[in-house]
């Protein structure tokens, strides 16, 4: 007997099913078992609808299992939900901040709810303000915080009392790389310094590598669990880096490789393609199969994401080919697809976009990158004709948005961060609504609806409301709606936020196919690996344009240790931090 305390979370043979409105049963969890030990960090990873959120909600006592049990802090979560809820901290994906209350008032509200005493509040508040760097913003309304600061405030509110188990459902979704790094500093401090026990779900597989234990779920079933390195090892002798041949970029090579069913995964990576084969192989064998020089393929150490993709490939998760053939090619008008000069947008005394200029070529994939609050979405809304500029010139698809906003809108598609779908309408009704909004009628409308249902494989979900769809299919439906009128330019605002790795790969396969046919794509993303798909990108902060160039040119700004190849995330953080440092020095001098 070691005298070791029992784990704060013990999951034993848990089964949970639901019924859709159609009456169809859905098995959300199928005999899941694992433990989260004291002072450790456990990650739930898996594709959309794998059961991650359901499992976390079961651990809170908010719902009960059909079979099996969950012991939380020594209590059965199904039989003693109140005792469990008195001992845990829970941060759901849409955390309940009160946006019309200040940071301090949100702290006070959660302290009141949990019966935290005055003496304990003073001590805990100081710790949390220091840990989250929210001290200078005590009196700011929560609604006026950036996305990253809101996430930090949400996490802090769950910690107003000290929980025995902290449950975090996608805590970093929708935040930029700088904010994500800050949130992870906090989470790791809680585990390593304060010995908290944390269970989290995540769509970012690099985050799983930081955990002590990982549970890989697929369609409600456990595929594997263990230390991150044990999952990575499943891709041993299967991970390679491939240098594209002259005249071909990484994005096009990746699209070509994904047509092959013997390949488990392929993603652009620092100007090359990271290749994961379904079976163990050698660089020579892969070079020969790809008809490349032997030196173009070299082995690389497997990472967690590689092992994850090998596991999913074994279950036939990846489509071999995505067909996005358009009914018509984009217009052949001359000049840039988008041209922005000295663009400004003010909201009262606040300048959201501050004299920015750039242009986008026709058929180009162009990235608009920046931290939360950088001005990206405001810029997007102006480009789409949804928001007038305060000053500057803005031409889209050859139309000046000062004088011809309506004609420009006819040639653009817009996929918003929250997808802009109507949750109470089913798939068919959503598509019909957007077709009518775009002026599609009669035979033409029927042709385009049939195209959308076929290309995005939506027929089996036709009668489901959009709010019932798995996230990956919501994304498909939103993209289908944006493409119904066959726009020349497609605007995608954080379209992969919160999407799992499989949905992101499918999404980019579709975008690549559109770009190959001449559609211009302008995208914002907080997932910096996605910037590798872009032909060019700009990085913004505080409404200003900081850098512009190809991914290779932007990576040149990164500051990395010798021997470490810089990533787009390294470059993003270096560019933004340098600009903020210079701005702070200027403000001090003034």
Protein backbone atom coordinates (compact mmCIF):
# COMPACT_ATOMS: atom_id res chain seq x y z
CA UNK A 1 0.00 0.00 0.00
CA UNK A 2 1.44 3.34 -1.05
CA UNK A 3 -1.18 5.50 0.63
CA UNK A 4 -1.63 7.40 -2.64
CA UNK A 5 -4.95 9.26 -2.90
CA UNK A 6 -7.40 7.88 -5.49
CA UNK A 7 -7.44 9.73 -8.86
CA UNK A 8 -9.77 12.76 -8.92
CA UNK A 9 -11.44 11.27 -12.02
CA UNK A 10 -12.08 7.58 -12.69
CA UNK A 11 -14.08 6.70 -15.83
CA UNK A 12 -15.19 3.09 -16.05
CA UNK A 13 -16.86 1.49 -19.09
CA UNK A 14 -19.04 4.52 -19.83
CA UNK A 15 -21.76 4.34 -22.49
CA UNK A 16 -23.94 7.29 -23.53
CA UNK A 17 -26.44 7.64 -26.36
CA UNK A 18 -28.80 10.38 -27.53
CA UNK A 19 -31.72 10.68 -29.90
CA UNK A 20 -31.92 13.20 -32.71
CA UNK A 21 -35.20 15.05 -33.34
CA UNK A 22 -35.82 12.52 -36.10
CA UNK A 23 -35.81 9.79 -33.44
CA UNK A 24 -32.59 8.27 -34.77
CA UNK A 25 -30.35 7.02 -31.92
CA UNK A 26 -26.75 8.25 -31.79
CA UNK A 27 -24.15 6.39 -29.72
CA UNK A 28 -21.98 9.23 -28.38
CA UNK A 29 -19.70 7.13 -26.11
CA UNK A 30 -19.08 3.42 -26.39
CA UNK A 31 -17.40 1.79 -23.35
CA UNK A 32 -14.84 4.45 -22.41
CA UNK A 33 -12.42 3.91 -19.48
CA UNK A 34 -9.49 6.00 -18.21
CA UNK A 35 -8.20 7.84 -15.12
CA UNK A 36 -6.96 11.38 -14.51
CA UNK A 37 -4.42 11.20 -11.70
CA UNK A 38 -3.71 13.89 -9.11
CA UNK A 39 -1.59 16.78 -10.41
CA UNK A 40 -1.65 15.65 -14.05
CA UNK A 41 -2.93 17.02 -17.34
CA UNK A 42 -5.10 14.70 -19.47
CA UNK A 43 -6.22 15.50 -23.03
CA UNK A 44 -9.22 14.21 -24.95
CA UNK A 45 -8.56 14.36 -28.69
CA UNK A 46 -10.47 13.13 -31.70
CA UNK A 47 -12.44 14.25 -34.75
CA UNK A 48 -15.66 16.20 -34.49
CA UNK A 49 -18.47 14.19 -32.84
CA UNK A 50 -15.93 11.81 -31.26
CA UNK A 51 -17.58 12.29 -27.84
CA UNK A 52 -15.14 14.70 -26.15
CA UNK A 53 -17.70 17.27 -24.97
CA UNK A 54 -20.17 14.57 -23.93
CA UNK A 55 -17.50 12.96 -21.75
CA UNK A 56 -16.65 16.26 -20.06
CA UNK A 57 -20.33 17.01 -19.41
CA UNK A 58 -20.74 13.55 -17.84
CA UNK A 59 -17.85 14.36 -15.50
CA UNK A 60 -19.66 17.52 -14.36
CA UNK A 61 -22.78 15.59 -13.40
CA UNK A 62 -24.87 17.64 -15.83
CA UNK A 63 -25.85 14.49 -17.73
CA UNK A 64 -25.79 10.83 -16.70
CA UNK A 65 -24.35 7.76 -18.45
CA UNK A 66 -26.51 4.95 -19.78
CA UNK A 67 -23.96 2.43 -18.49
CA UNK A 68 -20.74 2.57 -16.50
CA UNK A 69 -19.66 5.12 -13.91
CA UNK A 70 -17.64 8.28 -13.35
CA UNK A 71 -16.07 8.82 -9.93
CA UNK A 72 -15.23 12.50 -9.44
CA UNK A 73 -13.40 13.56 -6.26
CA UNK A 74 -14.61 10.33 -4.67
CA UNK A 75 -18.28 10.80 -5.62
CA UNK A 76 -20.40 9.06 -8.25
CA UNK A 77 -21.20 11.88 -10.70
CA UNK A 78 -24.59 10.40 -11.61
CA UNK A 79 -25.76 9.80 -8.03
CA UNK A 80 -24.20 12.86 -6.37
CA UNK A 81 -24.10 15.65 -9.01
CA UNK A 82 -24.27 18.50 -6.47
CA UNK A 83 -21.32 17.16 -4.45
CA UNK A 84 -19.34 16.85 -7.69
CA UNK A 85 -20.26 20.36 -8.87
CA UNK A 86 -19.18 21.76 -5.49
CA UNK A 87 -15.68 20.35 -6.07
CA UNK A 88 -14.93 20.95 -9.75
CA UNK A 89 -14.17 23.87 -12.02
CA UNK A 90 -15.82 23.71 -15.46
CA UNK A 91 -15.14 25.93 -18.46
CA UNK A 92 -17.39 24.98 -21.41
CA UNK A 93 -16.70 26.06 -24.99
CA UNK A 94 -19.01 29.05 -24.64
CA UNK A 95 -18.09 30.20 -21.17
CA UNK A 96 -20.74 32.24 -19.36
CA UNK A 97 -19.05 35.60 -18.91
CA UNK A 98 -21.30 38.57 -18.23
CA UNK A 99 -20.14 41.04 -20.86
CA UNK A 100 -21.89 44.05 -19.30
CA UNK A 101 -19.98 43.47 -16.03
CA UNK A 102 -16.34 44.42 -15.42
CA UNK A 103 -13.55 41.92 -14.88
CA UNK A 104 -13.76 42.54 -11.12
CA UNK A 105 -17.56 42.18 -11.12
CA UNK A 106 -17.33 38.84 -12.97
CA UNK A 107 -14.88 37.64 -10.29
CA UNK A 108 -17.24 38.79 -7.55
CA UNK A 109 -20.25 37.12 -9.17
CA UNK A 110 -18.55 33.72 -9.39
CA UNK A 111 -17.19 34.09 -5.86
CA UNK A 112 -20.75 34.78 -4.64
CA UNK A 113 -22.07 31.75 -6.51
CA UNK A 114 -19.46 29.49 -4.91
CA UNK A 115 -19.67 31.00 -1.42
CA UNK A 116 -16.03 32.14 -1.34
CA UNK A 117 -15.29 34.12 1.86
CA UNK A 118 -13.96 37.68 1.89
CA UNK A 119 -10.52 36.72 3.20
CA UNK A 120 -10.16 33.93 0.65
CA UNK A 121 -11.30 36.28 -2.14
CA UNK A 122 -8.56 38.81 -1.45
CA UNK A 123 -5.88 36.13 -1.56
CA UNK A 124 -7.27 34.30 -4.59
CA UNK A 125 -8.05 37.44 -6.61
CA UNK A 126 -4.47 38.66 -6.31
CA UNK A 127 -3.15 35.27 -7.44
CA UNK A 128 -5.50 35.12 -10.40
CA UNK A 129 -4.93 38.72 -11.50
CA UNK A 130 -1.18 38.12 -11.48
CA UNK A 131 -1.44 34.72 -13.20
CA UNK A 132 -3.68 36.01 -16.03
CA UNK A 133 -2.18 39.55 -16.27
CA UNK A 134 -5.73 40.93 -15.97
CA UNK A 135 -4.84 43.25 -13.06
CA UNK A 136 -4.66 46.42 -15.21
CA UNK A 137 -8.10 45.62 -16.64
CA UNK A 138 -10.10 45.13 -13.41
CA UNK A 139 -12.53 47.92 -14.34
CA UNK A 140 -12.91 47.06 -18.02
CA UNK A 141 -16.19 45.54 -19.21
CA UNK A 142 -15.77 41.88 -20.16
CA UNK A 143 -17.44 42.61 -23.48
CA UNK A 144 -14.61 44.98 -24.37
CA UNK A 145 -11.83 42.44 -23.81
CA UNK A 146 -10.05 40.73 -26.70
CA UNK A 147 -10.88 37.08 -27.41
CA UNK A 148 -7.74 35.86 -25.64
CA UNK A 149 -8.41 38.01 -22.58
CA UNK A 150 -12.00 36.74 -22.41
CA UNK A 151 -10.68 33.17 -22.38
CA UNK A 152 -8.25 34.04 -19.58
CA UNK A 153 -11.04 35.69 -17.60
CA UNK A 154 -13.26 32.64 -18.13
CA UNK A 155 -10.50 30.36 -16.86
CA UNK A 156 -9.85 32.64 -13.88
CA UNK A 157 -13.54 32.60 -12.93
CA UNK A 158 -13.48 28.79 -12.72
CA UNK A 159 -10.55 29.14 -10.30
CA UNK A 160 -12.08 31.69 -7.91
CA UNK A 161 -12.39 28.71 -5.60
CA UNK A 162 -9.77 25.95 -5.73
CA UNK A 163 -11.32 22.97 -7.56
CA UNK A 164 -10.32 19.36 -7.02
CA UNK A 165 -10.74 18.75 -10.76
CA UNK A 166 -10.62 21.34 -13.56
CA UNK A 167 -12.56 20.51 -16.73
CA UNK A 168 -11.75 22.61 -19.82
CA UNK A 169 -13.67 22.07 -23.07
CA UNK A 170 -11.62 23.50 -25.98
CA UNK A 171 -10.13 26.30 -23.82
CA UNK A 172 -8.01 27.80 -26.63
CA UNK A 173 -10.48 27.66 -29.50
CA UNK A 174 -10.71 30.91 -31.46
CA UNK A 175 -7.71 32.63 -29.87
CA UNK A 176 -4.53 33.80 -31.60
CA UNK A 177 -1.10 32.17 -31.10
CA UNK A 178 0.06 34.75 -28.55
CA UNK A 179 -3.07 34.31 -26.43
CA UNK A 180 -2.89 30.54 -26.83
CA UNK A 181 0.67 30.57 -25.51
CA UNK A 182 -0.39 32.69 -22.52
CA UNK A 183 -3.32 30.38 -21.73
CA UNK A 184 -1.02 27.36 -21.86
CA UNK A 185 1.45 29.06 -19.53
CA UNK A 186 -1.44 29.39 -17.05
CA UNK A 187 -2.63 25.79 -17.48
CA UNK A 188 0.87 24.36 -17.07
CA UNK A 189 1.44 26.55 -13.99
CA UNK A 190 -1.79 25.18 -12.46
CA UNK A 191 -0.65 21.60 -13.04
CA UNK A 192 3.06 21.79 -12.33
CA UNK A 193 3.17 24.44 -9.59
CA UNK A 194 -0.25 24.24 -7.89
CA UNK A 195 -0.74 20.48 -8.52
CA UNK A 196 -4.20 20.87 -10.02
CA UNK A 197 -5.71 17.96 -11.93
CA UNK A 198 -6.89 19.07 -15.36
CA UNK A 199 -8.91 17.29 -18.05
CA UNK A 200 -9.23 19.19 -21.32
CA UNK A 201 -10.40 18.59 -24.86
CA UNK A 202 -8.54 20.17 -27.75
CA UNK A 203 -8.57 20.42 -31.55
CA UNK A 204 -4.90 21.47 -31.58
CA UNK A 205 -2.78 18.35 -31.59
CA UNK A 206 0.42 20.18 -30.66
CA UNK A 207 -1.34 20.93 -27.36
CA UNK A 208 -1.83 17.22 -26.69
CA UNK A 209 1.97 16.82 -26.76
CA UNK A 210 2.17 18.96 -23.60
CA UNK A 211 -0.07 16.62 -21.61
CA UNK A 212 0.77 13.73 -19.30
CA UNK A 213 -1.89 11.41 -20.69
CA UNK A 214 -3.96 11.45 -23.90
CA UNK A 215 -7.17 9.65 -24.82
CA UNK A 216 -7.86 9.40 -28.56
CA UNK A 217 -11.57 9.04 -29.36
CA UNK A 218 -13.23 8.24 -32.67
CA UNK A 219 -16.98 8.00 -33.20
CA UNK A 220 -17.45 7.55 -29.47
CA UNK A 221 -14.94 4.72 -29.22
CA UNK A 222 -11.48 4.70 -27.61
CA UNK A 223 -8.83 4.27 -30.34
CA UNK A 224 -5.79 4.59 -28.09
CA UNK A 225 -4.57 6.15 -24.87
CA UNK A 226 -1.25 6.73 -23.19
CA UNK A 227 1.56 9.24 -22.97
CA UNK A 228 1.84 11.57 -25.99
CA UNK A 229 5.08 9.90 -27.08
CA UNK A 230 3.29 6.55 -27.17
CA UNK A 231 0.78 7.96 -29.66
CA UNK A 232 3.59 9.58 -31.67
CA UNK A 233 5.36 6.21 -31.83
CA UNK A 234 2.49 4.81 -33.93
CA UNK A 235 3.98 6.82 -36.83
CA UNK A 236 7.51 5.45 -36.32
CA UNK A 237 9.22 4.90 -39.71
CA UNK A 238 6.22 6.54 -41.40
CA UNK A 239 7.03 10.28 -41.07
CA UNK A 240 8.92 12.10 -43.83
CA UNK A 241 9.63 15.58 -45.17
CA UNK A 242 9.32 16.01 -48.93
CA UNK A 243 10.88 18.89 -50.86
CA UNK A 244 8.64 19.91 -53.81
CA UNK A 245 10.23 19.65 -57.27
CA UNK A 246 11.12 22.85 -59.07
CA UNK A 247 8.03 24.63 -60.36
CA UNK A 248 5.68 23.12 -57.78
CA UNK A 249 4.79 24.59 -54.42
CA UNK A 250 4.12 22.70 -51.20
CA UNK A 251 0.35 23.25 -51.36
CA UNK A 252 0.02 21.69 -54.81
CA UNK A 253 2.28 18.77 -53.91
CA UNK A 254 0.25 18.15 -50.78
CA UNK A 255 -3.00 18.10 -52.78
CA UNK A 256 -1.43 15.58 -55.17
CA UNK A 257 -0.20 13.33 -52.35
CA UNK A 258 -3.59 13.22 -50.63
CA UNK A 259 -5.07 11.47 -53.68
CA UNK A 260 -3.10 8.36 -52.70
CA UNK A 261 -4.81 5.99 -50.25
CA UNK A 262 -1.44 4.61 -49.09
CA UNK A 263 -0.74 8.01 -47.50
CA UNK A 264 -2.19 8.66 -44.05
CA UNK A 265 -1.53 12.40 -44.07
CA UNK A 266 0.21 15.22 -45.91
CA UNK A 267 0.40 18.88 -44.84
CA UNK A 268 2.50 21.87 -45.93
CA UNK A 269 5.34 22.37 -43.48
CA UNK A 270 7.90 25.16 -43.74
CA UNK A 271 7.92 25.18 -47.54
CA UNK A 272 8.00 21.37 -47.69
CA UNK A 273 5.35 18.70 -47.21
CA UNK A 274 5.17 16.59 -44.07
CA UNK A 275 4.21 13.13 -45.27
CA UNK A 276 2.86 10.27 -43.13
CA UNK A 277 2.56 6.88 -44.81
CA UNK A 278 -0.04 4.29 -43.88
CA UNK A 279 2.68 1.64 -43.48
CA UNK A 280 6.34 1.74 -42.43
CA UNK A 281 8.55 2.83 -45.34
CA UNK A 282 11.92 4.31 -46.25
CA UNK A 283 12.93 7.63 -47.84
CA UNK A 284 14.18 5.78 -50.92
CA UNK A 285 10.95 3.86 -51.39
CA UNK A 286 8.84 7.02 -51.04
CA UNK A 287 11.07 9.00 -53.42
CA UNK A 288 10.75 6.23 -56.00
CA UNK A 289 6.95 6.05 -55.57
CA UNK A 290 6.69 9.83 -55.94
CA UNK A 291 9.13 9.90 -58.88
CA UNK A 292 11.37 12.36 -57.04
CA UNK A 293 15.15 12.49 -56.55
CA UNK A 294 16.24 10.45 -53.52
CA UNK A 295 17.45 13.57 -51.69
CA UNK A 296 13.94 15.11 -51.97
CA UNK A 297 12.58 12.77 -49.27
CA UNK A 298 14.06 12.41 -45.81
CA UNK A 299 12.90 10.82 -42.59
CA UNK A 300 11.76 12.99 -39.68
CA UNK A 301 10.89 12.24 -36.07
CA UNK A 302 7.18 11.42 -35.65
CA UNK A 303 5.01 13.85 -33.72
CA UNK A 304 1.69 13.34 -31.94
CA UNK A 305 -0.29 14.56 -34.94
CA UNK A 306 1.39 11.94 -37.16
CA UNK A 307 0.41 9.12 -34.80
CA UNK A 308 -3.12 10.51 -34.53
CA UNK A 309 -3.51 10.54 -38.32
CA UNK A 310 -2.19 6.97 -38.59
CA UNK A 311 -4.86 5.88 -36.09
CA UNK A 312 -7.64 7.64 -37.99
CA UNK A 313 -6.41 6.42 -41.35
CA UNK A 314 -6.84 2.86 -40.06
CA UNK A 315 -10.55 3.64 -39.67
CA UNK A 316 -10.94 5.00 -43.19
CA UNK A 317 -11.51 8.54 -41.97
CA UNK A 318 -9.83 10.41 -44.84
CA UNK A 319 -11.48 10.85 -48.23
CA UNK A 320 -9.20 9.82 -51.11
CA UNK A 321 -10.47 12.56 -53.42
CA UNK A 322 -12.60 15.67 -53.15
CA UNK A 323 -14.32 16.90 -56.31
CA UNK A 324 -15.06 20.63 -56.31
CA UNK A 325 -15.65 21.12 -60.04
CA UNK A 326 -17.35 24.46 -60.68
CA UNK A 327 -20.16 24.93 -63.19
CA UNK A 328 -18.41 28.03 -64.51
CA UNK A 329 -14.92 29.50 -64.27
CA UNK A 330 -14.39 32.84 -62.46
CA UNK A 331 -14.47 36.00 -64.54
CA UNK A 332 -11.42 36.94 -66.58
CA UNK A 333 -11.40 40.68 -65.79
CA UNK A 334 -7.96 42.28 -65.65
CA UNK A 335 -6.21 43.73 -62.63
CA UNK A 336 -6.06 42.59 -59.00
CA UNK A 337 -9.03 40.82 -57.46
CA UNK A 338 -8.76 43.13 -54.45
CA UNK A 339 -6.94 46.44 -54.13
CA UNK A 340 -6.78 48.33 -50.84
CA UNK A 341 -5.07 51.68 -50.42
CA UNK A 342 -4.78 53.72 -47.21
CA UNK A 343 -7.87 52.06 -45.73
CA UNK A 344 -9.19 53.44 -42.42
CA UNK A 345 -12.14 52.46 -40.28
CA UNK A 346 -13.03 54.31 -37.09
CA UNK A 347 -15.68 53.62 -34.47
CA UNK A 348 -15.99 56.96 -32.71
CA UNK A 349 -12.56 57.80 -31.32
CA UNK A 350 -11.32 54.22 -31.77
CA UNK A 351 -9.39 53.37 -34.95
CA UNK A 352 -9.96 49.69 -35.79
CA UNK A 353 -8.13 49.77 -39.15
CA UNK A 354 -5.33 52.28 -39.49
CA UNK A 355 -4.17 53.22 -43.03
CA UNK A 356 -3.51 49.77 -44.46
CA UNK A 357 -2.69 48.98 -48.11
CA UNK A 358 -2.36 45.67 -49.99
CA UNK A 359 -3.51 43.93 -53.15
CA UNK A 360 -4.59 40.37 -53.95
CA UNK A 361 -4.02 38.74 -57.34
CA UNK A 362 -6.77 36.81 -59.10
CA UNK A 363 -6.71 33.10 -58.26
CA UNK A 364 -4.48 33.71 -55.23
CA UNK A 365 -4.94 32.35 -51.70
CA UNK A 366 -4.24 35.33 -49.48
CA UNK A 367 -4.01 35.26 -45.68
CA UNK A 368 -5.01 38.09 -43.37
CA UNK A 369 -3.36 37.22 -40.05
CA UNK A 370 -3.19 38.89 -36.67
CA UNK A 371 -4.01 38.59 -32.96
CA UNK A 372 -7.53 38.96 -31.58
CA UNK A 373 -8.57 42.59 -31.98
CA UNK A 374 -6.06 43.29 -34.77
CA UNK A 375 -8.74 44.58 -37.16
CA UNK A 376 -8.97 41.53 -39.43
CA UNK A 377 -12.73 41.00 -39.22
CA UNK A 378 -13.39 44.74 -39.60
CA UNK A 379 -11.23 44.70 -42.74
CA UNK A 380 -13.11 41.65 -43.98
CA UNK A 381 -16.48 43.29 -43.48
CA UNK A 382 -15.34 46.31 -45.47
CA UNK A 383 -14.01 44.09 -48.27
CA UNK A 384 -17.36 42.30 -48.46
CA UNK A 385 -19.28 45.57 -48.63
CA UNK A 386 -20.94 44.94 -45.27
CA UNK A 387 -19.29 47.94 -43.60
CA UNK A 388 -18.32 51.29 -45.15
CA UNK A 389 -14.75 52.54 -44.86
CA UNK A 390 -14.07 55.79 -42.99
CA UNK A 391 -11.51 56.72 -45.64
CA UNK A 392 -9.20 55.20 -48.25
CA UNK A 393 -9.93 53.32 -51.45
CA UNK A 394 -11.20 49.77 -51.75
CA UNK A 395 -11.76 47.91 -55.03
CA UNK A 396 -13.14 44.35 -55.09
CA UNK A 397 -13.65 42.38 -58.31
CA UNK A 398 -13.04 45.58 -60.25
CA UNK A 399 -15.75 47.54 -58.41
CA UNK A 400 -15.09 50.57 -56.23
CA UNK A 401 -16.91 49.87 -52.96
CA UNK A 402 -17.55 53.58 -52.42
CA UNK A 403 -19.76 53.71 -55.50
CA UNK A 404 -20.69 50.15 -56.49
CA UNK A 405 -21.00 48.12 -53.31
CA UNK A 406 -24.00 46.07 -54.51
CA UNK A 407 -22.36 44.96 -57.78
CA UNK A 408 -19.20 43.92 -55.90
CA UNK A 409 -21.22 41.86 -53.42
CA UNK A 410 -22.70 39.82 -56.28
CA UNK A 411 -19.22 38.51 -57.07
CA UNK A 412 -18.10 37.60 -53.56
CA UNK A 413 -18.94 34.79 -51.14
CA UNK A 414 -18.56 35.23 -47.39
CA UNK A 415 -18.19 32.48 -44.79
CA UNK A 416 -18.30 34.01 -41.33
CA UNK A 417 -16.55 32.77 -38.19
CA UNK A 418 -19.85 31.55 -36.68
CA UNK A 419 -20.99 30.24 -40.11
CA UNK A 420 -24.12 32.50 -40.24
CA UNK A 421 -26.40 29.49 -40.58
CA UNK A 422 -29.99 29.44 -39.33
CA UNK A 423 -30.02 26.86 -36.55
CA UNK A 424 -33.77 26.19 -36.66
CA UNK A 425 -33.74 25.50 -40.44
CA UNK A 426 -32.69 22.15 -41.83
CA UNK A 427 -29.90 21.71 -44.38
CA UNK A 428 -32.22 21.97 -47.40
CA UNK A 429 -33.99 25.03 -45.99
CA UNK A 430 -30.70 26.81 -45.24
CA UNK A 431 -29.45 26.26 -48.80
CA UNK A 432 -32.79 27.33 -50.25
CA UNK A 433 -32.73 30.52 -48.17
CA UNK A 434 -29.21 31.48 -49.28
CA UNK A 435 -30.00 30.63 -52.93
CA UNK A 436 -32.94 33.04 -52.85
CA UNK A 437 -30.84 35.68 -51.08
CA UNK A 438 -28.34 35.47 -53.95
CA UNK A 439 -31.16 35.84 -56.50
CA UNK A 440 -31.08 32.25 -57.77
CA UNK A 441 -34.44 31.11 -59.12
CA UNK A 442 -36.07 28.27 -61.05
CA UNK A 443 -33.87 25.84 -62.95
CA UNK A 444 -30.66 27.65 -62.01
CA UNK A 445 -31.50 27.41 -58.30
CA UNK A 446 -32.29 23.68 -58.58
CA UNK A 447 -28.98 23.06 -60.38
CA UNK A 448 -26.97 24.89 -57.72
CA UNK A 449 -28.76 23.19 -54.82
CA UNK A 450 -28.11 19.80 -56.42
CA UNK A 451 -24.44 20.78 -56.89
CA UNK A 452 -24.14 21.76 -53.21
CA UNK A 453 -25.78 18.58 -51.93
CA UNK A 454 -23.53 16.43 -54.12
CA UNK A 455 -20.20 18.23 -53.75
CA UNK A 456 -20.46 18.55 -49.97
CA UNK A 457 -22.13 15.16 -49.36
CA UNK A 458 -25.04 16.67 -47.47
CA UNK A 459 -27.96 14.54 -48.69
CA UNK A 460 -28.02 12.16 -45.73
CA UNK A 461 -28.31 15.20 -43.41
CA UNK A 462 -30.88 17.06 -45.55
CA UNK A 463 -33.62 17.02 -42.88
CA UNK A 464 -31.39 17.77 -39.88
CA UNK A 465 -31.40 21.32 -38.56
CA UNK A 466 -28.04 23.04 -38.90
CA UNK A 467 -27.66 23.26 -35.11
CA UNK A 468 -27.84 19.44 -34.95
CA UNK A 469 -25.05 18.95 -37.49
CA UNK A 470 -21.57 17.86 -36.39
CA UNK A 471 -19.12 20.78 -36.62
CA UNK A 472 -17.44 19.44 -39.76
CA UNK A 473 -20.78 19.28 -41.57
CA UNK A 474 -21.77 22.74 -40.35
CA UNK A 475 -18.56 23.91 -42.01
CA UNK A 476 -19.48 22.08 -45.22
CA UNK A 477 -22.96 23.61 -45.23
CA UNK A 478 -21.63 27.12 -44.60
CA UNK A 479 -19.11 26.80 -47.44
CA UNK A 480 -21.77 25.39 -49.76
CA UNK A 481 -24.04 28.36 -48.98
CA UNK A 482 -21.20 30.81 -49.68
CA UNK A 483 -20.51 29.19 -53.08
CA UNK A 484 -24.08 28.82 -54.37
CA UNK A 485 -23.87 31.90 -56.61
CA UNK A 486 -20.39 30.91 -57.89
CA UNK A 487 -18.46 33.94 -56.61
CA UNK A 488 -15.15 35.02 -58.11
CA UNK A 489 -13.81 35.83 -54.64
CA UNK A 490 -14.37 33.80 -51.47
CA UNK A 491 -13.88 35.43 -48.06
CA UNK A 492 -13.34 33.02 -45.16
CA UNK A 493 -13.30 34.57 -41.69
CA UNK A 494 -11.86 32.12 -39.12
CA UNK A 495 -13.67 29.35 -41.01
CA UNK A 496 -11.68 26.56 -39.30
CA UNK A 497 -11.94 27.93 -35.75
CA UNK A 498 -12.53 24.95 -33.46
CA UNK A 499 -12.49 22.46 -36.33
CA UNK A 500 -10.75 19.15 -35.75
CA UNK A 501 -7.70 18.14 -37.82
CA UNK A 502 -9.72 16.00 -40.24
CA UNK A 503 -12.22 18.80 -40.92
CA UNK A 504 -9.35 21.25 -41.46
CA UNK A 505 -7.70 18.98 -44.02
CA UNK A 506 -10.97 18.43 -45.88
CA UNK A 507 -11.62 22.17 -45.82
CA UNK A 508 -8.22 22.94 -47.34
CA UNK A 509 -8.60 20.25 -49.98
CA UNK A 510 -11.74 22.06 -51.11
CA UNK A 511 -10.03 25.46 -51.02
CA UNK A 512 -7.09 24.14 -53.05
CA UNK A 513 -9.49 22.76 -55.66
CA UNK A 514 -11.28 26.12 -55.91
CA UNK A 515 -8.00 28.04 -56.23
CA UNK A 516 -6.85 25.67 -58.98
CA UNK A 517 -9.95 26.72 -60.94
CA UNK A 518 -9.18 30.42 -60.52
CA UNK A 519 -11.27 31.40 -57.47
CA UNK A 520 -9.57 34.07 -55.35
CA UNK A 521 -9.57 33.12 -51.66
CA UNK A 522 -8.96 35.54 -48.79
CA UNK A 523 -8.81 33.96 -45.35
CA UNK A 524 -8.22 34.82 -41.72
CA UNK A 525 -6.99 32.11 -39.36
CA UNK A 526 -5.46 31.75 -35.91
CA UNK A 527 -4.04 28.35 -36.85
CA UNK A 528 -0.63 29.35 -38.16
CA UNK A 529 0.08 26.07 -39.94
CA UNK A 530 -2.79 27.01 -42.24
CA UNK A 531 -0.89 30.11 -43.33
CA UNK A 532 1.44 27.70 -45.16
CA UNK A 533 -1.38 27.11 -47.66
CA UNK A 534 -1.39 30.79 -48.62
CA UNK A 535 0.44 32.21 -51.63
CA UNK A 536 0.96 35.42 -49.66
CA UNK A 537 -0.18 36.84 -46.34
CA UNK A 538 -0.14 40.03 -44.28
CA UNK A 539 0.18 40.22 -40.49
CA UNK A 540 -1.76 42.94 -38.65
CA UNK A 541 -1.92 44.21 -35.10
CA UNK A 542 -3.72 47.20 -33.55
CA UNK A 543 -5.23 47.96 -36.96
CA UNK A 544 -1.86 48.33 -38.68
CA UNK A 545 -0.12 46.19 -41.27
CA UNK A 546 3.18 44.89 -39.85
CA UNK A 547 4.52 42.53 -42.52
CA UNK A 548 3.61 41.15 -45.94
CA UNK A 549 5.04 38.37 -48.09
CA UNK A 550 5.06 34.69 -48.98
CA UNK A 551 5.16 32.17 -46.13
CA UNK A 552 8.91 31.74 -46.76
CA UNK A 553 9.47 35.50 -46.56
CA UNK A 554 7.46 35.79 -43.35
CA UNK A 555 9.28 32.88 -41.72
CA UNK A 556 12.45 34.91 -42.25
CA UNK A 557 11.32 37.23 -39.42
CA UNK A 558 11.33 34.38 -36.88
CA UNK A 559 13.87 34.19 -34.09
CA UNK A 560 14.65 30.55 -33.35
CA UNK A 561 17.41 28.54 -31.73
CA UNK A 562 20.23 27.34 -33.96
CA UNK A 563 19.26 24.17 -35.77
CA UNK A 564 15.52 24.78 -35.30
CA UNK A 565 13.66 25.49 -38.52
CA UNK A 566 11.29 28.43 -37.98
CA UNK A 567 7.54 27.93 -38.29
CA UNK A 568 4.84 30.42 -39.23
CA UNK A 569 3.86 30.57 -35.56
CA UNK A 570 7.44 31.52 -34.65
CA UNK A 571 7.31 34.26 -37.30
CA UNK A 572 3.88 35.51 -36.20
CA UNK A 573 4.91 35.82 -32.56
CA UNK A 574 8.24 37.51 -33.43
CA UNK A 575 6.60 40.08 -35.73
CA UNK A 576 3.78 40.98 -33.33
CA UNK A 577 5.98 41.10 -30.22
CA UNK A 578 8.57 43.30 -31.97
CA UNK A 579 5.86 45.72 -33.13
CA UNK A 580 4.31 45.89 -29.65
CA UNK A 581 7.70 46.52 -28.08
CA UNK A 582 8.40 49.35 -30.53
CA UNK A 583 4.93 50.82 -29.91
CA UNK A 584 5.44 50.70 -26.13
CA UNK A 585 8.80 52.48 -26.47
CA UNK A 586 7.19 55.15 -28.65
CA UNK A 587 4.37 55.64 -26.14
CA UNK A 588 6.90 55.96 -23.30
CA UNK A 589 8.93 58.54 -25.22
CA UNK A 590 5.78 60.53 -25.89
